[in-house]
């Protein structure tokens, strides 16, 4: 299962529960007392998801590995390609 399908599955399950609570299909004293929180809970979840996404992006940016050997090898390959093109008559 791809990540997209996982997110769609979880989102649709949460949305189904939320719709049943807001629509009044489930009756309970606790639900009636906390209806204001239930109504704004999707907004809260979107804000929390945004904070999670920003945190993950920043964490992975700050812990990104630097590959010095690969950079040196890439520079050598670029110089080799330039020399090869120069030998074949391409000038810039």
C-alpha atoms as a PDB file:
ATOM      1  CA  UNK A   1       0.000   0.000   0.000  1.00  0.00           C
ATOM      2  CA  UNK A   2       1.417   3.357  -0.962  1.00  0.00           C
ATOM      3  CA  UNK A   3       1.643   6.278   1.432  1.00  0.00           C
ATOM      4  CA  UNK A   4      -1.075   8.082  -0.497  1.00  0.00           C
ATOM      5  CA  UNK A   5      -3.496   5.196   0.009  1.00  0.00           C
ATOM      6  CA  UNK A   6      -2.613   5.049   3.703  1.00  0.00           C
ATOM      7  CA  UNK A   7      -3.346   8.762   4.115  1.00  0.00           C
ATOM      8  CA  UNK A   8      -6.592   8.498   2.154  1.00  0.00           C
ATOM      9  CA  UNK A   9      -7.718   5.517   4.229  1.00  0.00           C
ATOM     10  CA  UNK A  10      -7.017   7.159   7.559  1.00  0.00           C
ATOM     11  CA  UNK A  11      -8.501  10.484   6.461  1.00  0.00           C
ATOM     12  CA  UNK A  12     -11.705   8.878   5.205  1.00  0.00           C
ATOM     13  CA  UNK A  13     -12.084   6.844   8.411  1.00  0.00           C
ATOM     14  CA  UNK A  14     -11.626   9.936  10.586  1.00  0.00           C
ATOM     15  CA  UNK A  15     -13.969  11.925   8.343  1.00  0.00           C
ATOM     16  CA  UNK A  16     -16.643   9.215   8.598  1.00  0.00           C
ATOM     17  CA  UNK A  17     -16.465   9.259  12.409  1.00  0.00           C
ATOM     18  CA  UNK A  18     -16.561  13.057  12.463  1.00  0.00           C
ATOM     19  CA  UNK A  19     -19.578  13.186  10.121  1.00  0.00           C
ATOM     20  CA  UNK A  20     -21.450  10.664  12.255  1.00  0.00           C
ATOM     21  CA  UNK A  21     -20.778  12.730  15.370  1.00  0.00           C
ATOM     22  CA  UNK A  22     -21.758  16.045  13.777  1.00  0.00           C
ATOM     23  CA  UNK A  23     -24.775  14.555  12.021  1.00  0.00           C
ATOM     24  CA  UNK A  24     -26.218  13.317  15.294  1.00  0.00           C
ATOM     25  CA  UNK A  25     -26.149   9.623  14.413  1.00  0.00           C
ATOM     26  CA  UNK A  26     -24.341   8.877  17.664  1.00  0.00           C
ATOM     27  CA  UNK A  27     -26.038  10.089  20.819  1.00  0.00           C
ATOM     28  CA  UNK A  28     -24.152  10.427  24.078  1.00  0.00           C
ATOM     29  CA  UNK A  29     -23.980  12.962  26.865  1.00  0.00           C
ATOM     30  CA  UNK A  30     -20.219  13.431  26.385  1.00  0.00           C
ATOM     31  CA  UNK A  31     -20.694  14.205  22.690  1.00  0.00           C
ATOM     32  CA  UNK A  32     -23.379  16.768  23.420  1.00  0.00           C
ATOM     33  CA  UNK A  33     -21.177  18.492  26.018  1.00  0.00           C
ATOM     34  CA  UNK A  34     -18.164  18.696  23.692  1.00  0.00           C
ATOM     35  CA  UNK A  35     -19.878  19.497  20.381  1.00  0.00           C
ATOM     36  CA  UNK A  36     -17.955  22.786  20.025  1.00  0.00           C
ATOM     37  CA  UNK A  37     -14.634  20.940  20.138  1.00  0.00           C
ATOM     38  CA  UNK A  38     -15.927  18.304  17.709  1.00  0.00           C
ATOM     39  CA  UNK A  39     -16.920  20.993  15.225  1.00  0.00           C
ATOM     40  CA  UNK A  40     -13.491  22.676  15.211  1.00  0.00           C
ATOM     41  CA  UNK A  41     -11.452  19.469  15.451  1.00  0.00           C
ATOM     42  CA  UNK A  42     -10.740  19.276  11.663  1.00  0.00           C
ATOM     43  CA  UNK A  43      -9.151  22.728  11.818  1.00  0.00           C
ATOM     44  CA  UNK A  44      -7.062  21.659  14.805  1.00  0.00           C
ATOM     45  CA  UNK A  45      -5.955  18.507  12.964  1.00  0.00           C
ATOM     46  CA  UNK A  46      -4.936  20.485   9.868  1.00  0.00           C
ATOM     47  CA  UNK A  47      -2.864  22.855  12.021  1.00  0.00           C
ATOM     48  CA  UNK A  48      -1.217  19.924  13.833  1.00  0.00           C
ATOM     49  CA  UNK A  49      -0.474  18.220  10.510  1.00  0.00           C
ATOM     50  CA  UNK A  50       1.142  21.414   9.227  1.00  0.00           C
ATOM     51  CA  UNK A  51       3.339  21.640  12.325  1.00  0.00           C
ATOM     52  CA  UNK A  52       4.303  17.986  11.921  1.00  0.00           C
ATOM     53  CA  UNK A  53       5.190  18.513   8.250  1.00  0.00           C
ATOM     54  CA  UNK A  54       7.322  21.582   9.001  1.00  0.00           C
ATOM     55  CA  UNK A  55       9.082  19.735  11.813  1.00  0.00           C
ATOM     56  CA  UNK A  56       9.881  16.732   9.601  1.00  0.00           C
ATOM     57  CA  UNK A  57      11.188  18.920   6.762  1.00  0.00           C
ATOM     58  CA  UNK A  58      13.385  20.966   9.105  1.00  0.00           C
ATOM     59  CA  UNK A  59      14.708  17.879  10.901  1.00  0.00           C
ATOM     60  CA  UNK A  60      15.618  16.129   7.662  1.00  0.00           C
ATOM     61  CA  UNK A  61      17.201  19.315   6.314  1.00  0.00           C
ATOM     62  CA  UNK A  62      19.398  19.792   9.374  1.00  0.00           C
ATOM     63  CA  UNK A  63      20.439  16.120   9.525  1.00  0.00           C
ATOM     64  CA  UNK A  64      21.180  15.815   5.781  1.00  0.00           C
ATOM     65  CA  UNK A  65      24.372  13.853   5.149  1.00  0.00           C
ATOM     66  CA  UNK A  66      27.177  15.576   3.256  1.00  0.00           C
ATOM     67  CA  UNK A  67      29.047  13.246   0.874  1.00  0.00           C
ATOM     68  CA  UNK A  68      32.467  14.747   0.226  1.00  0.00           C
ATOM     69  CA  UNK A  69      33.730  11.726  -1.732  1.00  0.00           C
ATOM     70  CA  UNK A  70      30.736  11.802  -4.067  1.00  0.00           C
ATOM     71  CA  UNK A  71      31.212  15.544  -4.647  1.00  0.00           C
ATOM     72  CA  UNK A  72      34.875  15.050  -5.577  1.00  0.00           C
ATOM     73  CA  UNK A  73      33.979  12.164  -7.887  1.00  0.00           C
ATOM     74  CA  UNK A  74      31.231  14.213  -9.561  1.00  0.00           C
ATOM     75  CA  UNK A  75      33.607  17.143 -10.154  1.00  0.00           C
ATOM     76  CA  UNK A  76      36.137  14.762 -11.707  1.00  0.00           C
ATOM     77  CA  UNK A  77      33.459  13.317 -14.017  1.00  0.00           C
ATOM     78  CA  UNK A  78      32.394  16.833 -15.054  1.00  0.00           C
ATOM     79  CA  UNK A  79      35.990  17.762 -15.914  1.00  0.00           C
ATOM     80  CA  UNK A  80      36.376  14.510 -17.843  1.00  0.00           C
ATOM     81  CA  UNK A  81      33.163  15.183 -19.808  1.00  0.00           C
ATOM     82  CA  UNK A  82      34.290  18.752 -20.601  1.00  0.00           C
ATOM     83  CA  UNK A  83      37.654  17.475 -21.824  1.00  0.00           C
ATOM     84  CA  UNK A  84      35.950  14.813 -23.939  1.00  0.00           C
ATOM     85  CA  UNK A  85      33.611  17.377 -25.525  1.00  0.00           C
ATOM     86  CA  UNK A  86      36.523  19.744 -26.096  1.00  0.00           C
ATOM     87  CA  UNK A  87      38.436  16.965 -27.873  1.00  0.00           C
ATOM     88  CA  UNK A  88      35.402  16.296 -30.065  1.00  0.00           C
ATOM     89  CA  UNK A  89      35.355  19.933 -31.183  1.00  0.00           C
ATOM     90  CA  UNK A  90      32.701  21.484 -28.952  1.00  0.00           C
ATOM     91  CA  UNK A  91      33.935  24.836 -27.659  1.00  0.00           C
ATOM     92  CA  UNK A  92      32.225  27.254 -25.276  1.00  0.00           C
END
